[in-house]
Protein backbone atom coordinates (compact mmCIF):
# COMPACT_ATOMS: atom_id res chain seq x y z
CA MET A 1 80.79 103.97 94.70
CA ASN A 2 81.54 100.93 92.56
CA ILE A 3 84.54 98.63 92.84
CA GLU A 4 86.49 100.56 90.20
CA GLN A 5 86.06 103.82 92.13
CA ILE A 6 86.89 102.14 95.44
CA SER A 7 89.99 100.53 93.94
CA ALA A 8 91.14 103.84 92.47
CA THR A 9 90.76 105.56 95.84
CA ILE A 10 92.62 102.77 97.62
CA GLN A 11 95.42 103.02 95.04
CA GLN A 12 95.63 106.78 95.49
CA LEU A 13 95.77 106.66 99.29
CA GLY A 14 98.23 103.77 99.48
CA ILE A 15 97.29 102.75 103.03
CA VAL A 16 94.03 101.32 104.37
CA PRO A 17 93.98 101.49 108.18
CA VAL A 18 92.77 98.11 109.50
CA ILE A 19 91.04 98.59 112.82
CA ALA A 20 89.42 96.28 115.39
CA ILE A 21 87.37 98.58 117.60
CA GLU A 22 85.51 97.42 120.68
CA ASP A 23 83.96 100.63 121.99
CA PRO A 24 81.60 102.57 119.69
CA LYS A 25 82.39 105.72 121.67
CA ALA A 26 85.86 105.68 120.13
CA ALA A 27 84.48 105.74 116.57
CA LEU A 28 84.31 109.49 116.03
CA PRO A 29 87.62 110.44 117.71
CA LEU A 30 89.23 107.72 115.64
CA ALA A 31 87.68 109.03 112.43
CA ASP A 32 88.82 112.55 113.23
CA ALA A 33 92.37 111.35 113.84
CA LEU A 34 92.43 109.50 110.51
CA LEU A 35 91.01 112.48 108.64
CA ALA A 36 93.40 114.93 110.28
CA GLY A 37 96.28 112.61 109.45
CA GLY A 38 95.41 112.51 105.76
CA LEU A 39 93.94 109.00 105.54
CA PRO A 40 90.19 109.37 104.92
CA ILE A 41 89.58 105.62 104.86
CA ALA A 42 89.14 102.80 107.38
CA GLU A 43 88.55 99.07 107.33
CA ILE A 44 86.56 98.21 110.47
CA THR A 45 87.00 94.51 111.09
CA PHE A 46 84.23 92.15 112.12
CA ARG A 47 86.49 90.78 114.85
CA THR A 48 84.50 92.62 117.50
CA ALA A 49 80.82 92.75 118.39
CA ALA A 50 80.83 96.53 117.89
CA ALA A 51 81.88 96.46 114.23
CA ALA A 52 78.49 97.04 112.59
CA GLN A 53 77.57 99.77 115.07
CA VAL A 54 80.89 101.53 114.53
CA ILE A 55 80.50 101.38 110.74
CA ALA A 56 76.99 102.84 111.07
CA ILE A 57 78.24 105.70 113.25
CA LEU A 58 81.07 106.52 110.86
CA ALA A 59 78.89 106.30 107.75
CA ARG A 60 76.32 108.63 109.31
CA GLU A 61 78.51 111.11 111.18
CA ARG A 62 81.67 111.23 109.05
CA PRO A 63 80.53 110.90 105.42
CA GLN A 64 83.91 112.22 104.23
CA LEU A 65 85.48 108.99 105.53
CA LEU A 66 85.42 106.01 103.18
CA VAL A 67 84.46 103.26 105.60
CA GLY A 68 84.62 99.56 104.84
CA ALA A 69 84.14 96.27 106.63
CA GLY A 70 86.97 93.80 107.24
CA THR A 71 87.19 90.14 108.22
CA VAL A 72 83.99 89.52 106.26
CA LEU A 73 83.59 85.75 106.36
CA THR A 74 79.89 85.12 105.73
CA GLY A 75 76.83 86.36 103.95
CA GLU A 76 75.55 87.55 107.31
CA ASN A 77 78.67 89.71 107.71
CA LEU A 78 78.08 91.15 104.26
CA GLN A 79 74.47 91.95 104.97
CA ALA A 80 75.36 93.58 108.29
CA ALA A 81 78.07 95.66 106.62
CA LYS A 82 75.74 96.74 103.85
CA ALA A 83 72.96 97.65 106.29
CA ALA A 84 75.40 99.67 108.38
CA GLY A 85 76.47 101.72 105.38
CA ALA A 86 79.88 100.23 104.54
CA HIS A 87 81.25 101.32 101.17
CA PHE A 88 83.34 98.17 100.64
CA ALA A 89 84.30 94.88 102.27
CA PHE A 90 87.52 92.89 102.66
CA ALA A 91 87.92 89.20 103.45
CA PRO A 92 91.03 87.35 104.61
CA GLY A 93 90.38 84.46 102.24
CA PHE A 94 88.73 83.56 98.95
CA ASN A 95 85.23 82.09 99.14
CA PRO A 96 83.37 81.99 95.80
CA LYS A 97 80.03 81.98 97.61
CA THR A 98 80.86 85.19 99.48
CA VAL A 99 82.10 86.81 96.27
CA SER A 100 78.79 85.96 94.64
CA GLN A 101 76.79 87.23 97.60
CA ALA A 102 78.71 90.51 97.57
CA ARG A 103 77.96 90.91 93.87
CA ASP A 104 74.26 90.29 94.48
CA LEU A 105 74.26 92.91 97.25
CA GLY A 106 76.14 95.43 95.12
CA MET A 107 78.94 95.54 97.70
CA PRO A 108 82.45 96.25 96.34
CA PHE A 109 84.38 93.26 97.65
CA VAL A 110 88.08 92.43 97.99
CA PRO A 111 88.74 88.76 98.77
CA GLY A 112 91.97 87.47 100.23
CA VAL A 113 94.48 85.25 98.44
CA ALA A 114 97.88 83.74 99.18
CA THR A 115 98.54 81.40 96.23
CA PRO A 116 98.49 81.44 92.42
CA SER A 117 95.49 79.09 92.40
CA GLU A 118 93.49 81.48 94.60
CA ILE A 119 94.51 84.42 92.41
CA GLU A 120 93.25 82.64 89.31
CA GLN A 121 89.98 81.67 91.00
CA ALA A 122 89.47 85.29 92.07
CA LEU A 123 90.26 86.58 88.58
CA SER A 124 87.76 84.13 87.12
CA GLN A 125 85.14 85.71 89.42
CA GLY A 126 85.96 89.18 88.13
CA CYS A 127 87.91 90.32 91.19
CA GLY A 128 90.66 92.71 90.14
CA THR A 129 91.78 93.94 93.56
CA LEU A 130 92.84 91.25 96.02
CA LYS A 131 93.98 91.20 99.62
CA PHE A 132 97.30 89.37 100.03
CA PHE A 133 97.05 87.78 103.47
CA PRO A 134 98.93 87.04 105.61
CA ALA A 135 101.47 89.09 103.71
CA GLU A 136 104.69 88.55 105.64
CA GLY A 137 103.79 84.97 106.52
CA SER A 138 103.17 84.20 102.83
CA GLY A 139 106.46 85.49 101.48
CA GLY A 140 106.03 89.25 101.64
CA VAL A 141 107.42 91.47 98.92
CA SER A 142 109.39 88.61 97.37
CA MET A 143 106.20 86.65 96.79
CA LEU A 144 104.40 89.67 95.36
CA ASN A 145 107.27 90.25 92.95
CA ALA A 146 107.01 86.61 91.93
CA PHE A 147 103.27 87.04 91.34
CA ALA A 148 103.97 90.01 89.08
CA ALA A 149 105.57 87.96 86.32
CA PRO A 150 102.52 85.82 85.43
CA TYR A 151 99.74 88.14 86.62
CA GLN A 152 100.70 91.80 86.19
CA HIS A 153 99.38 91.87 82.62
CA THR A 154 95.89 91.02 83.91
CA GLY A 155 95.73 94.34 85.74
CA VAL A 156 95.29 92.67 89.14
CA ARG A 157 96.45 94.69 92.15
CA PHE A 158 97.06 93.57 95.72
CA VAL A 159 96.50 94.98 99.20
CA PRO A 160 99.05 93.13 101.34
CA THR A 161 97.99 92.91 104.98
CA GLY A 162 99.52 91.15 107.97
CA GLY A 163 103.02 92.04 109.07
CA VAL A 164 103.22 95.30 107.12
CA SER A 165 104.78 98.01 109.30
CA PRO A 166 106.60 101.33 108.99
CA ASP A 167 109.82 99.32 108.70
CA ASN A 168 108.81 97.56 105.47
CA LEU A 169 106.14 99.94 104.19
CA GLU A 170 108.39 101.49 101.55
CA ALA A 171 109.31 98.10 100.09
CA TYR A 172 105.66 97.10 99.76
CA LEU A 173 104.62 100.40 98.22
CA ALA A 174 107.44 100.16 95.68
CA CYS A 175 106.12 96.80 94.44
CA LYS A 176 104.52 97.39 91.05
CA ILE A 177 101.44 95.24 91.68
CA VAL A 178 100.59 96.69 95.10
CA ALA A 179 97.62 99.08 95.17
CA ALA A 180 97.89 99.81 98.89
CA VAL A 181 98.78 98.12 102.15
CA GLY A 182 96.59 97.16 105.07
CA GLY A 183 97.77 99.36 107.93
CA THR A 184 97.25 97.34 111.08
CA TRP A 185 99.83 99.49 112.90
CA ILE A 186 97.92 102.75 112.43
CA ALA A 187 95.41 102.29 115.27
CA LYS A 188 95.90 99.28 117.51
CA LYS A 189 93.48 98.19 120.22
CA LYS A 190 95.70 99.57 122.96
CA ASP A 191 95.79 102.96 121.23
CA LEU A 192 92.01 103.07 121.03
CA ALA A 193 91.67 102.06 124.67
CA ALA A 194 94.13 104.76 125.74
CA ALA A 195 92.63 107.41 123.43
CA ASN A 196 95.98 107.97 121.72
CA TRP A 197 94.41 110.09 118.98
CA LEU A 198 97.45 112.31 118.44
CA GLU A 199 99.68 109.27 118.00
CA ILE A 200 97.23 107.75 115.51
CA ARG A 201 97.21 111.02 113.60
CA ARG A 202 101.01 111.08 113.64
CA ARG A 203 101.19 107.55 112.24
CA CYS A 204 98.79 108.52 109.48
CA GLU A 205 100.87 111.56 108.60
CA ALA A 206 104.07 109.51 108.54
CA GLY A 207 102.43 106.86 106.36
CA VAL A 208 101.06 109.43 103.94
CA ALA A 209 104.52 111.01 103.67
CA THR A 210 106.00 107.62 102.81
CA VAL A 211 103.35 106.99 100.16
CA ARG A 212 104.04 110.35 98.56
CA ARG A 213 107.78 109.87 98.64
CA VAL A 214 107.74 106.35 97.19
CA ARG A 215 105.16 107.10 94.53
CA ALA A 216 106.35 110.65 93.87
CA TYR A 217 102.89 112.14 94.33
CA GLY A 218 102.66 115.90 94.20
CA LYS A 219 105.76 116.41 92.08
């Protein structure tokens, strides 16, 4: 899939579960919970040593899940994600070198931004979908609405991540330049450790219901 297809899928789903997973044995139960809950997508962050192995397991055993890599900071991270079978990669910040490396690898890449200058640098590199991070710490929905005035006409869309929760999910989804949110609440480390698969599924279902309600899907 290319970046346009990835971006369209992200826009349609509305939520990208952001997951730091430490035990590869949890990969498949996690995937099944996400799929059963209606969110066939996951961003597996490179915050743990197991990330590449987990991505490889998911890519091989659950091909119906769109699996990406998160917290991609270096070319080495990109190469590991690509080799593991990741369909896309997210970064918390904007690094022109990493953007270029992702392009060379053919890896759909979403860099992170928090300021107008970073947005313009990303746009100049051809990046049309951007991670807004840390979302709440950088002004949240109010900042995104402010970004809309000078940048909406470019077609840029954002994936705010960091501080997004069920309490403010609706406000983020209603923002006209938001493609989707990064769902760090969907499957936390403690849930994975405790094998809370039913709770993870329930959170997915609740999130999907909110996306459909706010965006009037299915009407």
